[in-house]
Amino acid sequence: PTTTADSRKADYRESLRLGNDAAIDKLRALGEP
């Protein structure tokens, strides 16, 4: 119950910020604009 789409998005965003472009598709799959 502590895992939400928003919490996963936050981790993917941080991954992308640190240079991991693979996080782009992960964010798209979760509906990130």
Full PDB file with SEQRES, HELIX, SHEET, SSBOND, CRYST1, ORIGX, SCALE, CONECT and MASTER records, all heavy atoms in Angstrom:
SEQRES   1 A   33  PRO THR THR THR ALA ASP SER ARG LYS ALA ASP TYR ARG          
SEQRES   2 A   33  GLU SER LEU ARG LEU GLY ASN ASP ALA ALA ILE ASP LYS          
SEQRES   3 A   33  LEU ARG ALA LEU GLY GLU PRO                                  
HELIX    1 AA1 ALA A    5  ARG A   17  1                                  13    
HELIX    2 AA2 ALA A   23  ALA A   29  1                                   7    
CRYST1    1.000    1.000    1.000  90.00  90.00  90.00 P 1           1          
ORIGX1      1.000000  0.000000  0.000000        0.00000                         
ORIGX2      0.000000  1.000000  0.000000        0.00000                         
ORIGX3      0.000000  0.000000  1.000000        0.00000                         
SCALE1      1.000000  0.000000  0.000000        0.00000                         
SCALE2      0.000000  1.000000  0.000000        0.00000                         
SCALE3      0.000000  0.000000  1.000000        0.00000                         
ATOM      1  N   PRO A   1       0.811  -1.233   0.000  1.00  0.00           N  
ATOM      2  CA  PRO A   1       0.000   0.000   0.000  1.00  0.00           C  
ATOM      3  C   PRO A   1       0.838   1.273   0.000  1.00  0.00           C  
ATOM      4  O   PRO A   1       0.336   2.343  -0.342  1.00  0.00           O  
ATOM      5  CB  PRO A   1      -0.820  -0.112   1.290  1.00  0.00           C  
ATOM      6  CG  PRO A   1      -0.059  -1.065   2.156  1.00  0.00           C  
ATOM      7  CD  PRO A   1       0.604  -2.025   1.220  1.00  0.00           C  
ATOM      8  N   THR A   2       2.120   1.162   0.385  1.00  0.00           N  
ATOM      9  CA  THR A   2       2.967   2.363   0.389  1.00  0.00           C  
ATOM     10  C   THR A   2       3.516   2.676  -0.999  1.00  0.00           C  
ATOM     11  O   THR A   2       4.086   3.736  -1.214  1.00  0.00           O  
ATOM     12  CB  THR A   2       4.149   2.187   1.364  1.00  0.00           C  
ATOM     13  OG1 THR A   2       4.991   1.116   0.908  1.00  0.00           O  
ATOM     14  CG2 THR A   2       3.662   1.893   2.767  1.00  0.00           C  
ATOM     15  N   THR A   3       3.350   1.730  -1.925  1.00  0.00           N  
ATOM     16  CA  THR A   3       3.838   1.937  -3.286  1.00  0.00           C  
ATOM     17  C   THR A   3       2.707   2.471  -4.150  1.00  0.00           C  
ATOM     18  O   THR A   3       1.657   1.839  -4.280  1.00  0.00           O  
ATOM     19  CB  THR A   3       4.366   0.619  -3.884  1.00  0.00           C  
ATOM     20  OG1 THR A   3       5.433   0.130  -3.083  1.00  0.00           O  
ATOM     21  CG2 THR A   3       4.860   0.842  -5.305  1.00  0.00           C  
ATOM     22  N   THR A   4       2.909   3.620  -4.730  1.00  0.00           N  
ATOM     23  CA  THR A   4       1.903   4.232  -5.595  1.00  0.00           C  
ATOM     24  C   THR A   4       2.554   4.602  -6.916  1.00  0.00           C  
ATOM     25  O   THR A   4       3.788   4.607  -7.055  1.00  0.00           O  
ATOM     26  CB  THR A   4       1.331   5.503  -4.952  1.00  0.00           C  
ATOM     27  OG1 THR A   4       2.383   6.477  -4.828  1.00  0.00           O  
ATOM     28  CG2 THR A   4       0.743   5.211  -3.573  1.00  0.00           C  
ATOM     29  N   ALA A   5       1.717   4.914  -7.872  1.00  0.00           N  
ATOM     30  CA  ALA A   5       2.239   5.360  -9.165  1.00  0.00           C  
ATOM     31  C   ALA A   5       3.065   6.628  -8.986  1.00  0.00           C  
ATOM     32  O   ALA A   5       4.105   6.801  -9.639  1.00  0.00           O  
ATOM     33  CB  ALA A   5       1.087   5.602 -10.141  1.00  0.00           C  
ATOM     34  N   ASP A   6       2.634   7.495  -8.081  1.00  0.00           N  
ATOM     35  CA  ASP A   6       3.377   8.740  -7.855  1.00  0.00           C  
ATOM     36  C   ASP A   6       4.755   8.472  -7.255  1.00  0.00           C  
ATOM     37  O   ASP A   6       5.739   9.123  -7.620  1.00  0.00           O  
ATOM     38  CB  ASP A   6       2.581   9.666  -6.931  1.00  0.00           C  
ATOM     39  CG  ASP A   6       1.400  10.311  -7.637  1.00  0.00           C  
ATOM     40  OD1 ASP A   6       1.385  10.316  -8.882  1.00  0.00           O  
ATOM     41  OD2 ASP A   6       0.492  10.806  -6.937  1.00  0.00           O  
ATOM     42  N   SER A   7       4.832   7.512  -6.317  1.00  0.00           N  
ATOM     43  CA  SER A   7       6.139   7.223  -5.713  1.00  0.00           C  
ATOM     44  C   SER A   7       7.077   6.604  -6.733  1.00  0.00           C  
ATOM     45  O   SER A   7       8.283   6.889  -6.735  1.00  0.00           O  
ATOM     46  CB  SER A   7       5.972   6.296  -4.502  1.00  0.00           C  
ATOM     47  OG  SER A   7       5.535   5.007  -4.890  1.00  0.00           O  
ATOM     48  N   ARG A   8       6.548   5.761  -7.605  1.00  0.00           N  
ATOM     49  CA  ARG A   8       7.389   5.174  -8.655  1.00  0.00           C  
ATOM     50  C   ARG A   8       7.838   6.256  -9.636  1.00  0.00           C  
ATOM     51  O   ARG A   8       8.985   6.283 -10.077  1.00  0.00           O  
ATOM     52  CB  ARG A   8       6.635   4.063  -9.384  1.00  0.00           C  
ATOM     53  CG  ARG A   8       6.351   2.843  -8.504  1.00  0.00           C  
ATOM     54  CD  ARG A   8       5.558   1.796  -9.256  1.00  0.00           C  
ATOM     55  NE  ARG A   8       6.351   1.230 -10.344  1.00  0.00           N  
ATOM     56  CZ  ARG A   8       5.828   0.687 -11.446  1.00  0.00           C  
ATOM     57  NH1 ARG A   8       4.509   0.673 -11.632  1.00  0.00           N  
ATOM     58  NH2 ARG A   8       6.614   0.172 -12.378  1.00  0.00           N  
ATOM     59  N   LYS A   9       6.917   7.148  -9.986  1.00  0.00           N  
ATOM     60  CA  LYS A   9       7.282   8.257 -10.873  1.00  0.00           C  
ATOM     61  C   LYS A   9       8.413   9.084 -10.265  1.00  0.00           C  
ATOM     62  O   LYS A   9       9.351   9.500 -10.970  1.00  0.00           O  
ATOM     63  CB  LYS A   9       6.066   9.165 -11.124  1.00  0.00           C  
ATOM     64  CG  LYS A   9       5.079   8.663 -12.152  1.00  0.00           C  
ATOM     65  CD  LYS A   9       3.986   9.723 -12.340  1.00  0.00           C  
ATOM     66  CE  LYS A   9       2.924   9.262 -13.296  1.00  0.00           C  
ATOM     67  NZ  LYS A   9       1.878  10.304 -13.486  1.00  0.00           N  
ATOM     68  N   ALA A  10       8.323   9.336  -8.971  1.00  0.00           N  
ATOM     69  CA  ALA A  10       9.360  10.139  -8.315  1.00  0.00           C  
ATOM     70  C   ALA A  10      10.723   9.468  -8.432  1.00  0.00           C  
ATOM     71  O   ALA A  10      11.742  10.141  -8.675  1.00  0.00           O  
ATOM     72  CB  ALA A  10       8.996  10.350  -6.845  1.00  0.00           C  
ATOM     73  N   ASP A  11      10.771   8.142  -8.271  1.00  0.00           N  
ATOM     74  CA  ASP A  11      12.043   7.428  -8.406  1.00  0.00           C  
ATOM     75  C   ASP A  11      12.542   7.458  -9.848  1.00  0.00           C  
ATOM     76  O   ASP A  11      13.735   7.639 -10.098  1.00  0.00           O  
ATOM     77  CB  ASP A  11      11.894   5.980  -7.928  1.00  0.00           C  
ATOM     78  CG  ASP A  11      11.784   5.876  -6.415  1.00  0.00           C  
ATOM     79  OD1 ASP A  11      12.450   6.665  -5.720  1.00  0.00           O  
ATOM     80  OD2 ASP A  11      11.029   5.014  -5.921  1.00  0.00           O  
ATOM     81  N   TYR A  12      11.639   7.284 -10.801  1.00  0.00           N  
ATOM     82  CA  TYR A  12      12.051   7.339 -12.206  1.00  0.00           C  
ATOM     83  C   TYR A  12      12.542   8.743 -12.578  1.00  0.00           C  
ATOM     84  O   TYR A  12      13.509   8.891 -13.337  1.00  0.00           O  
ATOM     85  CB  TYR A  12      10.895   6.934 -13.126  1.00  0.00           C  
ATOM     86  CG  TYR A  12      10.604   5.446 -13.152  1.00  0.00           C  
ATOM     87  CD1 TYR A  12       9.287   4.972 -13.062  1.00  0.00           C  
ATOM     88  CD2 TYR A  12      11.635   4.523 -13.284  1.00  0.00           C  
ATOM     89  CE1 TYR A  12       9.017   3.610 -13.090  1.00  0.00           C  
ATOM     90  CE2 TYR A  12      11.360   3.152 -13.319  1.00  0.00           C  
ATOM     91  CZ  TYR A  12      10.055   2.706 -13.209  1.00  0.00           C  
ATOM     92  OH  TYR A  12       9.784   1.350 -13.248  1.00  0.00           O  
ATOM     93  N   ARG A  13      11.885   9.760 -12.042  1.00  0.00           N  
ATOM     94  CA  ARG A  13      12.343  11.127 -12.320  1.00  0.00           C  
ATOM     95  C   ARG A  13      13.770  11.332 -11.808  1.00  0.00           C  
ATOM     96  O   ARG A  13      14.607  11.948 -12.477  1.00  0.00           O  
ATOM     97  CB  ARG A  13      11.405  12.145 -11.657  1.00  0.00           C  
ATOM     98  CG  ARG A  13      10.041  12.267 -12.286  1.00  0.00           C  
ATOM     99  CD  ARG A  13       9.277  13.454 -11.704  1.00  0.00           C  
ATOM    100  NE  ARG A  13       7.852  13.355 -11.946  1.00  0.00           N  
ATOM    101  CZ  ARG A  13       6.940  13.033 -11.030  1.00  0.00           C  
ATOM    102  NH1 ARG A  13       7.335  12.796  -9.771  1.00  0.00           N  
ATOM    103  NH2 ARG A  13       5.663  12.951 -11.346  1.00  0.00           N  
ATOM    104  N   GLU A  14      14.044  10.841 -10.598  1.00  0.00           N  
ATOM    105  CA  GLU A  14      15.384  11.003 -10.035  1.00  0.00           C  
ATOM    106  C   GLU A  14      16.403  10.208 -10.853  1.00  0.00           C  
ATOM    107  O   GLU A  14      17.530  10.651 -11.063  1.00  0.00           O  
ATOM    108  CB  GLU A  14      15.402  10.543  -8.569  1.00  0.00           C  
ATOM    109  CG  GLU A  14      16.597  11.016  -7.776  1.00  0.00           C  
ATOM    110  CD  GLU A  14      16.675  12.521  -7.658  1.00  0.00           C  
ATOM    111  OE1 GLU A  14      15.638  13.203  -7.828  1.00  0.00           O  
ATOM    112  OE2 GLU A  14      17.797  13.034  -7.410  1.00  0.00           O  
ATOM    113  N   SER A  15      15.986   9.053 -11.327  1.00  0.00           N  
ATOM    114  CA  SER A  15      16.851   8.242 -12.180  1.00  0.00           C  
ATOM    115  C   SER A  15      17.199   9.004 -13.458  1.00  0.00           C  
ATOM    116  O   SER A  15      18.362   9.047 -13.883  1.00  0.00           O  
ATOM    117  CB  SER A  15      16.151   6.925 -12.528  1.00  0.00           C  
ATOM    118  OG  SER A  15      16.952   6.138 -13.376  1.00  0.00           O  
ATOM    119  N   LEU A  16      16.201   9.632 -14.041  1.00  0.00           N  
ATOM    120  CA  LEU A  16      16.426  10.416 -15.257  1.00  0.00           C  
ATOM    121  C   LEU A  16      17.306  11.625 -14.965  1.00  0.00           C  
ATOM    122  O   LEU A  16      18.213  11.953 -15.744  1.00  0.00           O  
ATOM    123  CB  LEU A  16      15.076  10.859 -15.837  1.00  0.00           C  
ATOM    124  CG  LEU A  16      15.122  11.699 -17.120  1.00  0.00           C  
ATOM    125  CD1 LEU A  16      15.843  10.948 -18.237  1.00  0.00           C  
ATOM    126  CD2 LEU A  16      13.704  12.090 -17.551  1.00  0.00           C  
ATOM    127  N   ARG A  17      17.066  12.285 -13.834  1.00  0.00           N  
ATOM    128  CA  ARG A  17      17.865  13.460 -13.482  1.00  0.00           C  
ATOM    129  C   ARG A  17      19.336  13.115 -13.359  1.00  0.00           C  
ATOM    130  O   ARG A  17      20.209  13.917 -13.698  1.00  0.00           O  
ATOM    131  CB  ARG A  17      17.361  14.054 -12.163  1.00  0.00           C  
ATOM    132  CG  ARG A  17      18.036  15.359 -11.774  1.00  0.00           C  
ATOM    133  CD  ARG A  17      17.558  15.868 -10.428  1.00  0.00           C  
ATOM    134  NE  ARG A  17      18.107  15.112  -9.328  1.00  0.00           N  
ATOM    135  CZ  ARG A  17      19.322  15.313  -8.808  1.00  0.00           C  
ATOM    136  NH1 ARG A  17      20.113  16.249  -9.306  1.00  0.00           N  
ATOM    137  NH2 ARG A  17      19.758  14.581  -7.806  1.00  0.00           N  
ATOM    138  N   LEU A  18      19.627  11.890 -12.899  1.00  0.00           N  
ATOM    139  CA  LEU A  18      21.014  11.466 -12.722  1.00  0.00           C  
ATOM    140  C   LEU A  18      21.623  10.876 -13.990  1.00  0.00           C  
ATOM    141  O   LEU A  18      22.764  10.420 -13.970  1.00  0.00           O  
ATOM    142  CB  LEU A  18      21.106  10.447 -11.585  1.00  0.00           C  
ATOM    143  CG  LEU A  18      20.857  11.002 -10.183  1.00  0.00           C  
ATOM    144  CD1 LEU A  18      20.796   9.885  -9.163  1.00  0.00           C  
ATOM    145  CD2 LEU A  18      21.938  12.001  -9.801  1.00  0.00           C  
ATOM    146  N   GLY A  19      20.837  10.887 -15.091  1.00  0.00           N  
ATOM    147  CA  GLY A  19      21.439  10.505 -16.370  1.00  0.00           C  
ATOM    148  C   GLY A  19      20.966   9.211 -16.980  1.00  0.00           C  
ATOM    149  O   GLY A  19      21.499   8.787 -18.017  1.00  0.00           O  
ATOM    150  N   ASN A  20      19.980   8.549 -16.404  1.00  0.00           N  
ATOM    151  CA  ASN A  20      19.517   7.262 -16.934  1.00  0.00           C  
ATOM    152  C   ASN A  20      18.345   7.482 -17.887  1.00  0.00           C  
ATOM    153  O   ASN A  20      17.196   7.600 -17.474  1.00  0.00           O  
ATOM    154  CB  ASN A  20      19.097   6.347 -15.780  1.00  0.00           C  
ATOM    155  CG  ASN A  20      18.611   4.991 -16.261  1.00  0.00           C  
ATOM    156  OD1 ASN A  20      18.933   4.568 -17.367  1.00  0.00           O  
ATOM    157  ND2 ASN A  20      17.823   4.317 -15.436  1.00  0.00           N  
ATOM    158  N   ASP A  21      18.639   7.493 -19.188  1.00  0.00           N  
ATOM    159  CA  ASP A  21      17.594   7.764 -20.180  1.00  0.00           C  
ATOM    160  C   ASP A  21      16.585   6.624 -20.298  1.00  0.00           C  
ATOM    161  O   ASP A  21      15.493   6.817 -20.860  1.00  0.00           O  
ATOM    162  CB  ASP A  21      18.226   8.029 -21.551  1.00  0.00           C  
ATOM    163  CG  ASP A  21      18.911   9.391 -21.614  1.00  0.00           C  
ATOM    164  OD1 ASP A  21      18.620  10.242 -20.756  1.00  0.00           O  
ATOM    165  OD2 ASP A  21      19.753   9.598 -22.513  1.00  0.00           O  
ATOM    166  N   ALA A  22      16.933   5.440 -19.768  1.00  0.00           N  
ATOM    167  CA  ALA A  22      15.969   4.331 -19.792  1.00  0.00           C  
ATOM    168  C   ALA A  22      14.736   4.677 -18.971  1.00  0.00           C  
ATOM    169  O   ALA A  22      13.665   4.077 -19.174  1.00  0.00           O  
ATOM    170  CB  ALA A  22      16.624   3.063 -19.252  1.00  0.00           C  
ATOM    171  N   ALA A  23      14.862   5.645 -18.068  1.00  0.00           N  
ATOM    172  CA  ALA A  23      13.718   6.041 -17.243  1.00  0.00           C  
ATOM    173  C   ALA A  23      12.654   6.789 -18.046  1.00  0.00           C  
ATOM    174  O   ALA A  23      11.515   6.909 -17.592  1.00  0.00           O  
ATOM    175  CB  ALA A  23      14.191   6.904 -16.079  1.00  0.00           C  
ATOM    176  N   ILE A  24      13.014   7.274 -19.241  1.00  0.00           N  
ATOM    177  CA  ILE A  24      12.043   8.023 -20.040  1.00  0.00           C  
ATOM    178  C   ILE A  24      10.852   7.143 -20.400  1.00  0.00           C  
ATOM    179  O   ILE A  24       9.681   7.519 -20.210  1.00  0.00           O  
ATOM    180  CB  ILE A  24      12.711   8.579 -21.317  1.00  0.00           C  
ATOM    181  CG1 ILE A  24      13.770   9.624 -20.943  1.00  0.00           C  
ATOM    182  CG2 ILE A  24      11.664   9.188 -22.253  1.00  0.00           C  
ATOM    183  CD1 ILE A  24      14.586  10.122 -22.127  1.00  0.00           C  
ATOM    184  N   ASP A  25      11.136   5.934 -20.932  1.00  0.00           N  
ATOM    185  CA  ASP A  25      10.047   5.031 -21.310  1.00  0.00           C  
ATOM    186  C   ASP A  25       9.248   4.587 -20.088  1.00  0.00           C  
ATOM    187  O   ASP A  25       8.026   4.374 -20.174  1.00  0.00           O  
ATOM    188  CB  ASP A  25      10.611   3.807 -22.036  1.00  0.00           C  
ATOM    189  CG  ASP A  25      11.107   4.153 -23.444  1.00  0.00           C  
ATOM    190  OD1 ASP A  25      10.659   5.178 -23.996  1.00  0.00           O  
ATOM    191  OD2 ASP A  25      11.956   3.402 -23.972  1.00  0.00           O  
ATOM    192  N   LYS A  26       9.915   4.444 -18.945  1.00  0.00           N  
ATOM    193  CA  LYS A  26       9.218   4.056 -17.716  1.00  0.00           C  
ATOM    194  C   LYS A  26       8.215   5.142 -17.315  1.00  0.00           C  
ATOM    195  O   LYS A  26       7.085   4.839 -16.901  1.00  0.00           O  
ATOM    196  CB  LYS A  26      10.216   3.838 -16.588  1.00  0.00           C  
ATOM    197  CG  LYS A  26      11.338   2.856 -16.898  1.00  0.00           C  
ATOM    198  CD  LYS A  26      10.878   1.433 -16.788  1.00  0.00           C  
ATOM    199  CE  LYS A  26      12.045   0.470 -16.960  1.00  0.00           C  
ATOM    200  NZ  LYS A  26      11.635  -0.949 -16.804  1.00  0.00           N  
ATOM    201  N   LEU A  27       8.636   6.394 -17.441  1.00  0.00           N  
ATOM    202  CA  LEU A  27       7.746   7.500 -17.095  1.00  0.00           C  
ATOM    203  C   LEU A  27       6.579   7.601 -18.080  1.00  0.00           C  
ATOM    204  O   LEU A  27       5.431   7.844 -17.681  1.00  0.00           O  
ATOM    205  CB  LEU A  27       8.540   8.814 -17.070  1.00  0.00           C  
ATOM    206  CG  LEU A  27       9.436   9.020 -15.847  1.00  0.00           C  
ATOM    207  CD1 LEU A  27      10.412  10.173 -16.086  1.00  0.00           C  
ATOM    208  CD2 LEU A  27       8.597   9.293 -14.596  1.00  0.00           C  
ATOM    209  N   ARG A  28       6.877   7.404 -19.360  1.00  0.00           N  
ATOM    210  CA  ARG A  28       5.799   7.436 -20.360  1.00  0.00           C  
ATOM    211  C   ARG A  28       4.756   6.365 -20.070  1.00  0.00           C  
ATOM    212  O   ARG A  28       3.543   6.611 -20.184  1.00  0.00           O  
ATOM    213  CB  ARG A  28       6.386   7.240 -21.751  1.00  0.00           C  
ATOM    214  CG  ARG A  28       7.126   8.464 -22.287  1.00  0.00           C  
ATOM    215  CD  ARG A  28       7.831   8.133 -23.585  1.00  0.00           C  
ATOM    216  NE  ARG A  28       8.502   9.302 -24.151  1.00  0.00           N  
ATOM    217  CZ  ARG A  28       9.461   9.235 -25.080  1.00  0.00           C  
ATOM    218  NH1 ARG A  28       9.854   8.036 -25.539  1.00  0.00           N  
ATOM    219  NH2 ARG A  28      10.016  10.334 -25.531  1.00  0.00           N  
ATOM    220  N   ALA A  29       5.232   5.178 -19.670  1.00  0.00           N  
ATOM    221  CA  ALA A  29       4.308   4.079 -19.392  1.00  0.00           C  
ATOM    222  C   ALA A  29       3.400   4.393 -18.213  1.00  0.00           C  
ATOM    223  O   ALA A  29       2.278   3.862 -18.125  1.00  0.00           O  
ATOM    224  CB  ALA A  29       5.092   2.796 -19.127  1.00  0.00           C  
ATOM    225  N   LEU A  30       3.859   5.252 -17.303  1.00  0.00           N  
ATOM    226  CA  LEU A  30       3.050   5.649 -16.150  1.00  0.00           C  
ATOM    227  C   LEU A  30       2.256   6.926 -16.410  1.00  0.00           C  
ATOM    228  O   LEU A  30       1.630   7.476 -15.500  1.00  0.00           O  
ATOM    229  CB  LEU A  30       3.945   5.838 -14.920  1.00  0.00           C  
ATOM    230  CG  LEU A  30       4.538   4.554 -14.317  1.00  0.00           C  
ATOM    231  CD1 LEU A  30       5.536   4.898 -13.212  1.00  0.00           C  
ATOM    232  CD2 LEU A  30       3.431   3.660 -13.763  1.00  0.00           C  
ATOM    233  N   GLY A  31       2.292   7.395 -17.663  1.00  0.00           N  
ATOM    234  CA  GLY A  31       1.465   8.543 -18.040  1.00  0.00           C  
ATOM    235  C   GLY A  31       2.079   9.901 -17.758  1.00  0.00           C  
ATOM    236  O   GLY A  31       1.367  10.907 -17.700  1.00  0.00           O  
ATOM    237  N   GLU A  32       3.404   9.961 -17.585  1.00  0.00           N  
ATOM    238  CA  GLU A  32       4.057  11.251 -17.351  1.00  0.00           C  
ATOM    239  C   GLU A  32       3.952  12.112 -18.610  1.00  0.00           C  
ATOM    240  O   GLU A  32       4.309  11.665 -19.719  1.00  0.00           O  
ATOM    241  CB  GLU A  32       5.528  11.031 -16.993  1.00  0.00           C  
ATOM    242  CG  GLU A  32       6.275  12.292 -16.587  1.00  0.00           C  
ATOM    243  CD  GLU A  32       6.053  12.674 -15.137  1.00  0.00           C  
ATOM    244  OE1 GLU A  32       5.150  12.103 -14.492  1.00  0.00           O  
ATOM    245  OE2 GLU A  32       6.796  13.547 -14.656  1.00  0.00           O  
ATOM    246  N   PRO A  33       3.463  13.336 -18.513  1.00  0.00           N  
ATOM    247  CA  PRO A  33       3.338  14.201 -19.695  1.00  0.00           C  
ATOM    248  C   PRO A  33       4.696  14.447 -20.364  1.00  0.00           C  
ATOM    249  O   PRO A  33       5.716  14.591 -19.687  1.00  0.00           O  
ATOM    250  CB  PRO A  33       2.758  15.499 -19.139  1.00  0.00           C  
ATOM    251  CG  PRO A  33       2.082  15.099 -17.866  1.00  0.00           C  
ATOM    252  CD  PRO A  33       2.916  13.979 -17.305  1.00  0.00           C  
TER     253      PRO A  33                                                      
MASTER        0    0    0    2    0    0    0    6  252    1    0    3          
END                                                                             
